[in-house]
C-alpha cells in the first residue's frame, strides 16, 4: 500500500507502488499537472507478504 504524506502542492497527485521482485518494490508519486511525471514527494508505504 502506498499513500501521500502531504498535500503535495496545488495539484492532485497520486501515490503508487508495484512489486519489482519477491523482496523489492517501487513506490513514488505522479503529478497530474504534467502527464507521466514521476516526482519526489514523500510517501508512506506498507508491504504485506510472505
N, C-alpha and C. Protein backbone atom coordinates (compact mmCIF):
# COMPACT_ATOMS: atom_id res chain seq x y z
N UNK A 1 0.85 -1.17 0.00
CA UNK A 1 0.00 0.00 0.00
C UNK A 1 0.89 1.22 0.00
N UNK A 2 0.57 2.21 -0.84
CA UNK A 2 1.34 3.46 -0.90
C UNK A 2 0.36 4.62 -0.85
N UNK A 3 0.67 5.63 -0.04
CA UNK A 3 -0.20 6.80 0.08
C UNK A 3 0.63 8.07 0.21
N UNK A 4 0.04 9.21 -0.14
CA UNK A 4 0.71 10.50 0.00
C UNK A 4 0.83 10.87 1.48
N UNK A 5 1.87 11.61 1.84
CA UNK A 5 2.04 12.07 3.22
C UNK A 5 1.78 13.55 3.38
N UNK A 6 1.57 14.27 2.28
CA UNK A 6 1.33 15.71 2.35
C UNK A 6 0.41 16.13 1.20
N UNK A 7 0.03 17.42 1.20
CA UNK A 7 -0.85 17.93 0.14
C UNK A 7 -0.14 17.98 -1.21
N UNK A 8 1.16 18.02 -1.23
CA UNK A 8 1.98 17.96 -2.45
C UNK A 8 1.65 19.08 -3.44
N UNK A 9 1.62 20.29 -2.96
CA UNK A 9 1.39 21.43 -3.85
C UNK A 9 -0.08 21.65 -4.12
N UNK A 10 -0.40 22.34 -5.22
CA UNK A 10 -1.79 22.69 -5.51
C UNK A 10 -2.41 21.81 -6.59
N UNK A 11 -1.74 20.76 -6.99
CA UNK A 11 -2.27 19.84 -8.00
C UNK A 11 -2.66 18.53 -7.34
N UNK A 12 -3.52 17.77 -7.98
CA UNK A 12 -3.88 16.44 -7.49
C UNK A 12 -2.78 15.48 -7.92
N UNK A 13 -2.13 14.88 -6.96
CA UNK A 13 -1.06 13.93 -7.25
C UNK A 13 -1.45 12.55 -6.75
N UNK A 14 -0.86 11.55 -7.34
CA UNK A 14 -1.18 10.17 -6.99
C UNK A 14 0.06 9.45 -6.50
N UNK A 15 -0.07 8.73 -5.41
CA UNK A 15 0.99 7.85 -4.95
C UNK A 15 0.72 6.46 -5.51
N UNK A 16 1.78 5.76 -5.88
CA UNK A 16 1.59 4.42 -6.44
C UNK A 16 2.79 3.55 -6.08
N UNK A 17 2.59 2.27 -6.14
CA UNK A 17 3.66 1.32 -5.90
C UNK A 17 3.38 0.02 -6.62
N UNK A 18 4.43 -0.71 -6.94
CA UNK A 18 4.26 -2.02 -7.56
C UNK A 18 5.46 -2.90 -7.24
N UNK A 19 5.25 -4.22 -7.21
CA UNK A 19 6.37 -5.12 -6.90
C UNK A 19 7.36 -5.21 -8.04
N UNK A 20 8.64 -5.26 -7.70
CA UNK A 20 9.70 -5.45 -8.68
C UNK A 20 10.18 -6.91 -8.63
N UNK A 21 10.22 -7.45 -7.42
CA UNK A 21 10.58 -8.86 -7.23
C UNK A 21 9.89 -9.33 -5.95
N UNK A 22 10.24 -10.53 -5.48
CA UNK A 22 9.60 -11.02 -4.26
C UNK A 22 10.16 -10.36 -2.99
N UNK A 23 11.18 -9.50 -3.13
CA UNK A 23 11.74 -8.83 -1.96
C UNK A 23 11.89 -7.31 -2.14
N UNK A 24 11.49 -6.76 -3.29
CA UNK A 24 11.63 -5.33 -3.55
C UNK A 24 10.38 -4.79 -4.24
N UNK A 25 10.10 -3.48 -4.00
CA UNK A 25 9.02 -2.82 -4.74
C UNK A 25 9.39 -1.37 -5.00
N UNK A 26 8.69 -0.76 -5.94
CA UNK A 26 8.91 0.62 -6.35
C UNK A 26 7.74 1.44 -5.85
N UNK A 27 8.01 2.59 -5.19
CA UNK A 27 6.96 3.48 -4.71
C UNK A 27 7.33 4.91 -5.07
N UNK A 28 6.37 5.69 -5.58
CA UNK A 28 6.64 7.06 -5.99
C UNK A 28 5.33 7.83 -6.08
N UNK A 29 5.41 9.10 -6.48
CA UNK A 29 4.23 9.92 -6.72
C UNK A 29 4.26 10.41 -8.16
N UNK A 30 3.08 10.65 -8.72
CA UNK A 30 2.95 11.12 -10.09
C UNK A 30 2.15 12.41 -10.10
N UNK A 31 2.64 13.39 -10.85
CA UNK A 31 1.97 14.68 -10.96
C UNK A 31 0.80 14.61 -11.93
N UNK A 32 -0.31 15.26 -11.59
CA UNK A 32 -1.42 15.36 -12.52
C UNK A 32 -1.28 16.59 -13.42
N UNK A 33 -0.37 17.51 -13.06
CA UNK A 33 -0.17 18.72 -13.85
C UNK A 33 0.60 18.43 -15.14
N UNK A 34 1.56 17.53 -15.06
CA UNK A 34 2.38 17.15 -16.21
C UNK A 34 2.24 15.65 -16.39
N UNK A 35 1.75 15.23 -17.52
CA UNK A 35 1.46 13.81 -17.75
C UNK A 35 2.70 12.95 -17.56
N UNK A 36 2.53 11.87 -16.81
CA UNK A 36 3.57 10.86 -16.61
C UNK A 36 4.85 11.38 -15.98
N UNK A 37 4.77 12.45 -15.17
CA UNK A 37 5.94 12.96 -14.46
C UNK A 37 6.00 12.33 -13.09
N UNK A 38 6.97 11.49 -12.85
CA UNK A 38 7.19 10.92 -11.53
C UNK A 38 8.02 11.92 -10.75
N UNK A 39 7.52 12.34 -9.58
CA UNK A 39 8.23 13.35 -8.81
C UNK A 39 8.67 12.81 -7.46
N UNK A 40 9.20 13.68 -6.62
CA UNK A 40 9.84 13.21 -5.38
C UNK A 40 9.10 13.63 -4.11
N UNK A 41 7.79 13.70 -4.13
CA UNK A 41 7.06 13.97 -2.90
C UNK A 41 7.11 12.76 -1.98
N UNK A 42 7.05 12.99 -0.66
CA UNK A 42 7.15 11.86 0.27
C UNK A 42 5.91 10.98 0.26
N UNK A 43 6.12 9.69 0.49
CA UNK A 43 5.03 8.72 0.56
C UNK A 43 5.18 7.88 1.83
N UNK A 44 4.09 7.28 2.24
CA UNK A 44 4.11 6.25 3.27
C UNK A 44 3.77 4.93 2.60
N UNK A 45 4.36 3.86 3.07
CA UNK A 45 4.11 2.57 2.44
C UNK A 45 4.01 1.46 3.47
N UNK A 46 3.35 0.40 3.08
CA UNK A 46 3.20 -0.80 3.89
C UNK A 46 3.20 -1.99 2.94
N UNK A 47 4.08 -2.92 3.17
CA UNK A 47 4.16 -4.11 2.33
C UNK A 47 3.75 -5.33 3.14
N UNK A 48 2.88 -6.13 2.58
CA UNK A 48 2.45 -7.38 3.20
C UNK A 48 2.83 -8.54 2.30
N UNK A 49 3.25 -9.60 2.85
CA UNK A 49 3.60 -10.75 2.03
C UNK A 49 4.19 -11.86 2.87
N UNK A 50 4.73 -12.80 2.17
CA UNK A 50 5.33 -13.92 2.89
C UNK A 50 6.75 -14.13 2.48
